[in-house]
Amino acid sequence: MNKQYRVLHLVTSLSTGGVENMIYKVVTHYDRDRFVPVVCCIRSGGEVADRLVKEGFDVTVLNRMKGHGFDWRAVLDIYKVLKREGIDVLRTHQYHANLYGRIAGVLAGTPVIIPSFHNLYISPERPKLHRRLINRLLAVWSDCLIAVSRSVAEDIIRFDRVKKEKIRVIHNGVLIERFRIALDKREARRSFGLPEDKWIIGSVGRLTPQKGHEYLLRAVSGLKDVVVAIAGDGPLKDVLKQMAEQMDVQCILTGTLYEKEVSIFLKALDIFCFPSLWEGMPSALVEAMAAGLPVVASDISSNIEILNDAGIIVKTKDVNALRNAIIRLIKSDDERRGYSERASRRSEMFSIENTVREYENLFMDILREKKIQ
């Protein structure tokens, strides 16, 4: 029997969110004959942690990081988990887990330490100097730094001065087949109270300035028989409602959807619009592509990286360009069909299975290089 390697995923908490859901998908898709995943939350658990526990995974919650300042007790507790669980590969996620986890991993002599970076540094502000210095220092004791897109990798190189040879780009994965459901469009629309006789232009994402929803509303203002539908919740909910009323745009906000509901929502759409101002790795874009939707997206680097020529790219914040792209797709059955087919094919590059295999191959490469087998 081949040796099983124990992999610890360390994160601040596991409430519902993009990074948290990605950890869930990765953990539940490992080859269990070779890798045994363990999860540790520094501050608190959450909905995703509860799901993992119900499915039989080992989740430890440390209840640390409750105050301000550096929490040395968090380092000690992580150290104890690493030793107790006999961890071979430590994967940390986001700033605090990357900080505490790497220090604990070095002290514990953990064989492989791999921090993950999920967001751009400028989102929207420049990174704090002390964070840049800390990451530059801790990169020395990291076997590899994971960036979820080339854009994120470029930020690490630019701001932290980490050598590009030390960084590996592994895109977040999506459950592709979940978004290819056999459901009638009319039935999908009824699920969300959407009209059956109008063009539905939709988007998925938190209602924050980052997602650029205001530009979508402005772009469709005055267009006949067009409805905007947005899946998500957030601080701009009332602002977007007021904007839609003032511009006489019919806008339906569904609130936050469970992952299984998102596939039904996407089935109800005619066109997917993603006018974000910045993204680390836009999983919502990949999901729309997997659902076979024609896509219009802003020209931020991560969108271009994922979409390539499988959709229409428009200049960020350019309302006229966004409007013209939407009109173009509405008027042309052939273009909608062509972009739909290309998007569907390209989405397969970003399956969760491909993502996890890349991680597993990386683990084995490092373990072989270190002669730990």
Protein backbone atom coordinates (compact mmCIF):
# COMPACT_ATOMS: atom_id res chain seq x y z
CA MET A 1 0.00 0.00 0.00
CA ASN A 2 1.30 3.46 -0.91
CA LYS A 3 2.09 5.89 1.89
CA GLN A 4 -0.69 8.32 2.78
CA TYR A 5 0.36 11.93 3.32
CA ARG A 6 -1.46 14.13 5.79
CA VAL A 7 -2.36 17.59 4.47
CA LEU A 8 -3.45 20.38 6.83
CA HIS A 9 -5.48 23.29 5.45
CA LEU A 10 -5.19 26.27 7.80
CA VAL A 11 -7.59 29.21 7.55
CA THR A 12 -8.84 31.98 9.85
CA SER A 13 -12.46 30.79 9.74
CA LEU A 14 -14.80 28.75 7.54
CA SER A 15 -17.99 30.72 7.14
CA THR A 16 -19.60 30.89 3.69
CA GLY A 17 -17.41 32.71 1.18
CA GLY A 18 -15.35 32.26 -1.96
CA VAL A 19 -12.11 31.13 -0.32
CA GLU A 20 -13.96 28.98 2.20
CA ASN A 21 -16.02 27.22 -0.46
CA MET A 22 -12.88 26.61 -2.49
CA ILE A 23 -11.20 24.95 0.50
CA TYR A 24 -14.28 22.74 0.88
CA LYS A 25 -14.13 21.64 -2.76
CA VAL A 26 -10.41 20.91 -2.64
CA VAL A 27 -10.59 19.00 0.65
CA THR A 28 -13.47 16.83 -0.57
CA HIS A 29 -11.78 15.97 -3.89
CA TYR A 30 -8.39 14.66 -2.76
CA ASP A 31 -7.33 11.16 -3.75
CA ARG A 32 -7.95 9.65 -0.33
CA ASP A 33 -5.69 6.68 -1.10
CA ARG A 34 -2.74 9.10 -1.14
CA PHE A 35 -3.76 12.16 0.88
CA VAL A 36 -5.59 12.57 4.19
CA PRO A 37 -6.93 16.14 4.55
CA VAL A 38 -7.19 17.83 7.95
CA VAL A 39 -8.63 21.32 8.52
CA CYS A 40 -7.83 23.89 11.21
CA CYS A 41 -9.57 27.24 11.82
CA ILE A 42 -7.61 29.77 13.86
CA ARG A 43 -10.45 32.03 14.99
CA SER A 44 -13.78 30.28 14.40
CA GLY A 45 -15.59 27.62 12.41
CA GLY A 46 -18.72 28.38 10.41
CA GLU A 47 -21.10 26.87 7.89
CA VAL A 48 -18.36 25.32 5.73
CA ALA A 49 -16.63 23.87 8.80
CA ASP A 50 -19.93 22.32 9.89
CA ARG A 51 -20.41 20.74 6.45
CA LEU A 52 -16.96 19.20 6.57
CA VAL A 53 -17.55 17.78 10.05
CA LYS A 54 -20.87 16.24 8.95
CA GLU A 55 -19.06 14.60 6.05
CA GLY A 56 -16.53 13.01 8.39
CA PHE A 57 -13.55 15.35 8.03
CA ASP A 58 -11.32 16.32 10.96
CA VAL A 59 -11.81 20.04 11.74
CA THR A 60 -10.10 21.77 14.68
CA VAL A 61 -11.19 25.25 15.84
CA LEU A 62 -8.61 27.06 17.98
CA ASN A 63 -10.66 30.11 19.07
CA ARG A 64 -7.61 32.36 18.81
CA MET A 65 -7.09 35.84 17.26
CA LYS A 66 -9.82 37.33 19.45
CA GLY A 67 -7.95 40.52 20.28
CA HIS A 68 -5.64 42.99 18.59
CA GLY A 69 -1.97 42.47 17.96
CA PHE A 70 0.06 39.36 17.29
CA ASP A 71 -1.30 36.22 18.98
CA TRP A 72 1.61 33.98 19.95
CA ARG A 73 -0.84 31.48 21.46
CA ALA A 74 -2.23 30.92 17.97
CA VAL A 75 1.27 29.94 16.79
CA LEU A 76 1.63 27.55 19.74
CA ASP A 77 -1.76 25.93 19.13
CA ILE A 78 -1.07 25.47 15.41
CA TYR A 79 2.31 23.97 16.31
CA LYS A 80 0.54 21.46 18.56
CA VAL A 81 -1.91 20.52 15.81
CA LEU A 82 0.91 19.99 13.32
CA LYS A 83 2.74 17.71 15.76
CA ARG A 84 -0.36 15.85 16.96
CA GLU A 85 -1.64 15.17 13.45
CA GLY A 86 1.76 14.28 11.98
CA ILE A 87 1.27 16.72 9.10
CA ASP A 88 3.37 16.21 5.97
CA VAL A 89 2.03 19.16 3.94
CA LEU A 90 0.84 22.45 5.43
CA ARG A 91 -1.37 24.58 3.19
CA THR A 92 -2.25 28.02 4.55
CA HIS A 93 -4.83 30.45 3.14
CA GLN A 94 -4.89 34.26 3.27
CA TYR A 95 -2.77 36.65 5.28
CA HIS A 96 -3.25 35.61 8.92
CA ALA A 97 -3.16 31.88 8.27
CA ASN A 98 -0.12 32.40 6.03
CA LEU A 99 1.56 34.34 8.85
CA TYR A 100 0.79 32.16 11.88
CA GLY A 101 0.87 28.90 9.95
CA ARG A 102 4.27 29.38 8.38
CA ILE A 103 5.88 30.36 11.68
CA ALA A 104 4.34 27.31 13.38
CA GLY A 105 5.28 25.08 10.45
CA VAL A 106 8.94 26.10 10.63
CA LEU A 107 9.03 25.58 14.40
CA ALA A 108 7.35 22.18 14.07
CA GLY A 109 9.64 21.04 11.29
CA THR A 110 6.71 20.39 8.95
CA PRO A 111 8.21 18.86 5.78
CA VAL A 112 6.28 20.91 3.19
CA ILE A 113 4.89 24.43 3.70
CA ILE A 114 2.75 25.99 0.94
CA PRO A 115 0.94 29.31 1.52
CA SER A 116 -1.90 30.31 -0.82
CA PHE A 117 -2.76 33.81 -2.06
CA HIS A 118 -6.34 34.30 -3.26
CA ASN A 119 -6.65 38.05 -3.82
CA LEU A 120 -4.92 40.90 -5.58
CA TYR A 121 -2.84 43.18 -3.34
CA ILE A 122 -4.45 46.35 -4.68
CA SER A 123 -8.11 45.72 -3.93
CA PRO A 124 -8.49 48.66 -3.93
CA GLU A 125 -5.67 49.91 -1.67
CA ARG A 126 -1.94 49.21 -1.83
CA PRO A 127 -0.73 46.53 0.60
CA LYS A 128 0.62 47.60 3.95
CA LEU A 129 4.41 47.72 4.11
CA HIS A 130 4.70 45.40 7.11
CA ARG A 131 2.65 42.72 5.32
CA ARG A 132 4.93 42.92 2.30
CA LEU A 133 8.04 42.60 4.43
CA ILE A 134 6.61 39.70 6.42
CA ASN A 135 5.68 37.78 3.29
CA ARG A 136 9.09 38.40 1.74
CA LEU A 137 10.75 37.02 4.86
CA LEU A 138 8.45 34.02 5.29
CA ALA A 139 8.75 33.13 1.58
CA VAL A 140 12.28 31.95 2.41
CA TRP A 141 10.80 29.15 4.54
CA SER A 142 8.01 28.33 2.07
CA ASP A 143 8.50 25.51 -0.42
CA CYS A 144 6.19 27.18 -2.92
CA LEU A 145 3.73 30.07 -2.97
CA ILE A 146 0.38 29.38 -4.64
CA ALA A 147 -1.28 32.20 -6.61
CA VAL A 148 -4.81 31.55 -7.89
CA SER A 149 -4.16 33.56 -11.06
CA ARG A 150 -1.29 35.13 -12.98
CA SER A 151 -2.52 38.52 -11.78
CA VAL A 152 -2.09 37.49 -8.14
CA ALA A 153 1.33 36.02 -8.92
CA GLU A 154 2.43 39.29 -10.50
CA ASP A 155 1.37 41.16 -7.35
CA ILE A 156 3.45 38.86 -5.14
CA ILE A 157 6.49 39.41 -7.36
CA ARG A 158 5.93 43.17 -7.58
CA PHE A 159 5.15 44.00 -3.97
CA ASP A 160 6.89 41.26 -1.96
CA ARG A 161 9.93 40.88 -4.23
CA VAL A 162 9.50 37.10 -4.23
CA LYS A 163 11.26 35.36 -7.11
CA LYS A 164 8.86 34.11 -9.78
CA GLU A 165 10.48 30.65 -9.63
CA LYS A 166 9.11 30.33 -6.11
CA ILE A 167 5.49 30.91 -7.24
CA ARG A 168 3.09 28.45 -8.84
CA VAL A 169 -0.19 29.53 -10.45
CA ILE A 170 -3.00 27.04 -9.79
CA HIS A 171 -6.44 28.34 -10.68
CA ASN A 172 -9.39 27.75 -8.40
CA GLY A 173 -11.59 24.94 -9.67
CA VAL A 174 -15.32 24.70 -10.28
CA LEU A 175 -17.70 21.74 -10.21
CA ILE A 176 -18.33 22.01 -13.94
CA GLU A 177 -21.10 19.43 -14.24
CA ARG A 178 -23.12 21.13 -11.50
CA PHE A 179 -23.73 24.03 -13.87
CA ARG A 180 -24.83 21.91 -16.82
CA ILE A 181 -28.28 21.06 -15.60
CA ALA A 182 -31.18 19.73 -17.67
CA LEU A 183 -33.75 22.34 -16.73
CA ASP A 184 -36.13 24.34 -18.88
CA LYS A 185 -35.29 28.06 -18.93
CA ARG A 186 -38.90 28.99 -18.18
CA GLU A 187 -38.92 26.77 -15.11
CA ALA A 188 -35.65 28.29 -13.94
CA ARG A 189 -37.10 31.77 -14.31
CA ARG A 190 -40.19 30.88 -12.33
CA SER A 191 -37.91 29.84 -9.45
CA PHE A 192 -36.76 33.45 -9.10
CA GLY A 193 -39.86 35.31 -10.23
CA LEU A 194 -38.22 36.38 -13.47
CA PRO A 195 -40.34 37.25 -16.53
CA GLU A 196 -40.36 34.67 -19.31
CA ASP A 197 -40.79 37.12 -22.19
CA LYS A 198 -37.84 39.48 -21.64
CA TRP A 199 -34.06 39.42 -22.00
CA ILE A 200 -32.47 38.61 -18.66
CA ILE A 201 -28.97 40.04 -18.18
CA GLY A 202 -27.51 38.63 -14.99
CA SER A 203 -24.54 38.64 -12.67
CA VAL A 204 -23.40 36.84 -9.52
CA GLY A 205 -21.44 38.50 -6.73
CA ARG A 206 -21.60 40.48 -3.51
CA LEU A 207 -23.27 43.85 -3.79
CA THR A 208 -20.12 45.91 -3.28
CA PRO A 209 -18.35 48.57 -5.38
CA GLN A 210 -15.79 45.94 -6.47
CA LYS A 211 -18.36 44.09 -8.60
CA GLY A 212 -19.29 47.12 -10.73
CA HIS A 213 -23.02 46.44 -10.76
CA GLU A 214 -23.80 50.14 -11.11
CA TYR A 215 -22.21 50.07 -14.59
CA LEU A 216 -24.47 47.21 -15.61
CA LEU A 217 -27.54 49.17 -14.52
CA ARG A 218 -26.39 52.23 -16.43
CA ALA A 219 -25.63 50.13 -19.51
CA VAL A 220 -29.13 48.65 -19.80
CA SER A 221 -30.97 51.88 -18.95
CA GLY A 222 -33.39 52.60 -21.77
CA LEU A 223 -33.06 49.18 -23.42
CA LYS A 224 -36.42 47.66 -24.31
CA ASP A 225 -37.54 44.33 -22.82
CA VAL A 226 -34.39 43.94 -20.69
CA VAL A 227 -34.31 42.89 -17.03
CA VAL A 228 -31.25 42.83 -14.77
CA ALA A 229 -30.99 39.96 -12.26
CA ILE A 230 -28.21 39.86 -9.67
CA ALA A 231 -27.55 36.97 -7.28
CA GLY A 232 -25.87 38.18 -4.13
CA ASP A 233 -26.22 40.44 -1.13
CA GLY A 234 -24.18 43.20 0.41
CA PRO A 235 -23.96 46.82 1.57
CA LEU A 236 -25.01 48.32 -1.79
CA LYS A 237 -28.37 46.54 -1.89
CA ASP A 238 -30.48 49.63 -1.19
CA VAL A 239 -28.25 51.87 -3.32
CA LEU A 240 -28.63 49.60 -6.36
CA LYS A 241 -32.39 49.37 -5.84
CA GLN A 242 -32.63 53.16 -5.76
CA MET A 243 -30.43 53.51 -8.85
CA ALA A 244 -32.59 51.04 -10.77
CA GLU A 245 -35.75 52.93 -9.84
CA GLN A 246 -34.28 56.27 -10.87
CA MET A 247 -33.16 54.87 -14.25
CA ASP A 248 -36.40 52.93 -14.76
CA VAL A 249 -34.52 49.63 -14.95
CA GLN A 250 -36.29 46.48 -13.82
CA CYS A 251 -33.77 44.93 -11.44
CA ILE A 252 -34.31 41.78 -9.41
CA LEU A 253 -31.94 41.05 -6.50
CA THR A 254 -32.20 37.44 -5.36
CA GLY A 255 -30.07 37.76 -2.24
CA THR A 256 -27.39 35.21 -1.41
CA LEU A 257 -27.88 31.84 -3.08
CA TYR A 258 -26.65 28.42 -2.06
CA GLU A 259 -24.23 26.87 -4.55
CA LYS A 260 -26.87 24.50 -5.92
CA GLU A 261 -29.26 27.43 -6.45
CA VAL A 262 -26.68 29.34 -8.50
CA SER A 263 -26.85 26.76 -11.30
CA ILE A 264 -30.63 27.27 -11.55
CA PHE A 265 -30.17 31.05 -11.53
CA LEU A 266 -27.62 30.88 -14.36
CA LYS A 267 -29.98 28.68 -16.36
CA ALA A 268 -32.54 31.50 -16.21
CA LEU A 269 -30.22 34.05 -17.85
CA ASP A 270 -29.68 34.99 -21.48
CA ILE A 271 -26.40 36.86 -21.01
CA PHE A 272 -23.92 36.94 -18.10
CA CYS A 273 -22.35 40.30 -17.33
CA PHE A 274 -19.28 40.58 -15.08
CA PRO A 275 -18.16 44.24 -14.85
CA SER A 276 -15.82 43.83 -11.85
CA LEU A 277 -13.20 46.43 -11.00
CA TRP A 278 -10.78 43.82 -9.65
CA GLU A 279 -10.71 40.06 -9.00
CA GLY A 280 -8.19 37.54 -7.72
CA MET A 281 -9.66 34.51 -9.44
CA PRO A 282 -13.28 35.01 -10.66
CA SER A 283 -14.96 31.67 -9.95
CA ALA A 284 -18.39 33.19 -10.71
CA LEU A 285 -17.16 33.86 -14.24
CA VAL A 286 -16.07 30.23 -14.67
CA GLU A 287 -19.44 29.02 -13.38
CA ALA A 288 -21.26 31.15 -15.96
CA MET A 289 -18.98 29.78 -18.67
CA ALA A 290 -19.67 26.23 -17.50
CA ALA A 291 -23.40 26.98 -17.74
CA GLY A 292 -22.85 27.86 -21.38
CA LEU A 293 -23.76 31.53 -21.12
CA PRO A 294 -22.46 34.18 -23.51
CA VAL A 295 -20.34 36.49 -21.36
CA VAL A 296 -19.49 40.19 -21.30
CA ALA A 297 -16.72 41.02 -18.81
CA SER A 298 -14.54 43.98 -17.84
CA ASP A 299 -10.95 44.05 -19.09
CA ILE A 300 -9.25 43.44 -15.75
CA SER A 301 -6.34 41.03 -16.10
CA SER A 302 -7.90 38.10 -14.23
CA ASN A 303 -11.05 38.21 -16.39
CA ILE A 304 -8.95 38.23 -19.56
CA GLU A 305 -6.86 35.35 -18.21
CA ILE A 306 -9.93 33.18 -17.58
CA LEU A 307 -12.18 34.20 -20.47
CA ASN A 308 -9.61 34.68 -23.24
CA ASP A 309 -11.58 34.79 -26.52
CA ALA A 310 -14.60 32.90 -25.15
CA GLY A 311 -16.53 36.10 -24.43
CA ILE A 312 -16.64 39.84 -25.06
CA ILE A 313 -14.15 41.95 -23.10
CA VAL A 314 -14.97 45.63 -22.57
CA LYS A 315 -13.07 48.44 -20.89
CA THR A 316 -13.65 48.65 -17.15
CA LYS A 317 -16.27 51.28 -16.15
CA ASP A 318 -17.05 51.98 -19.83
CA VAL A 319 -20.85 52.08 -19.81
CA ASN A 320 -21.17 52.64 -23.57
CA ALA A 321 -18.91 49.71 -24.42
CA LEU A 322 -20.84 47.50 -22.01
CA ARG A 323 -24.14 48.62 -23.47
CA ASN A 324 -22.99 48.02 -27.06
CA ALA A 325 -21.75 44.52 -26.21
CA ILE A 326 -25.10 43.61 -24.63
CA ILE A 327 -27.02 44.98 -27.64
CA ARG A 328 -24.70 43.08 -29.99
CA LEU A 329 -25.45 39.77 -28.26
CA ILE A 330 -29.18 40.44 -28.07
CA LYS A 331 -29.32 41.11 -31.81
CA SER A 332 -27.25 38.12 -32.98
CA ASP A 333 -28.33 34.53 -32.36
CA ASP A 334 -25.14 33.30 -34.03
CA GLU A 335 -22.85 35.34 -31.78
CA ARG A 336 -24.67 34.24 -28.65
CA ARG A 337 -24.44 30.62 -29.74
CA GLY A 338 -20.78 30.92 -30.69
CA TYR A 339 -19.71 32.54 -27.42
CA SER A 340 -21.83 30.06 -25.48
CA GLU A 341 -20.07 27.09 -27.05
CA ARG A 342 -16.58 28.56 -26.62
CA ALA A 343 -17.25 29.50 -23.01
CA SER A 344 -18.51 26.02 -22.21
CA ARG A 345 -15.44 24.36 -23.73
CA ARG A 346 -12.97 26.72 -22.07
CA SER A 347 -14.55 26.28 -18.62
CA GLU A 348 -13.35 22.67 -18.55
CA MET A 349 -9.79 23.94 -18.05
CA PHE A 350 -10.90 25.14 -14.61
CA SER A 351 -12.56 22.01 -13.23
CA ILE A 352 -12.06 21.18 -9.57
CA GLU A 353 -10.61 17.83 -10.64
CA ASN A 354 -7.84 19.58 -12.62
CA THR A 355 -7.16 21.93 -9.72
CA VAL A 356 -6.80 19.15 -7.14
CA ARG A 357 -4.62 17.01 -9.44
CA GLU A 358 -2.29 19.99 -9.86
CA TYR A 359 -2.03 20.35 -6.09
CA GLU A 360 -1.41 16.64 -5.60
CA ASN A 361 1.29 16.58 -8.27
CA LEU A 362 2.93 19.62 -6.67
CA PHE A 363 2.94 17.92 -3.25
CA MET A 364 4.54 14.80 -4.68
CA ASP A 365 7.16 16.77 -6.61
CA ILE A 366 8.24 18.62 -3.46
CA LEU A 367 8.16 15.49 -1.32
CA ARG A 368 10.33 13.63 -3.86
CA GLU A 369 12.71 16.56 -4.11
CA LYS A 370 13.08 16.56 -0.32
CA LYS A 371 13.32 12.75 -0.31
CA ILE A 372 10.32 12.51 2.03
CA GLN A 373 8.45 9.39 0.90
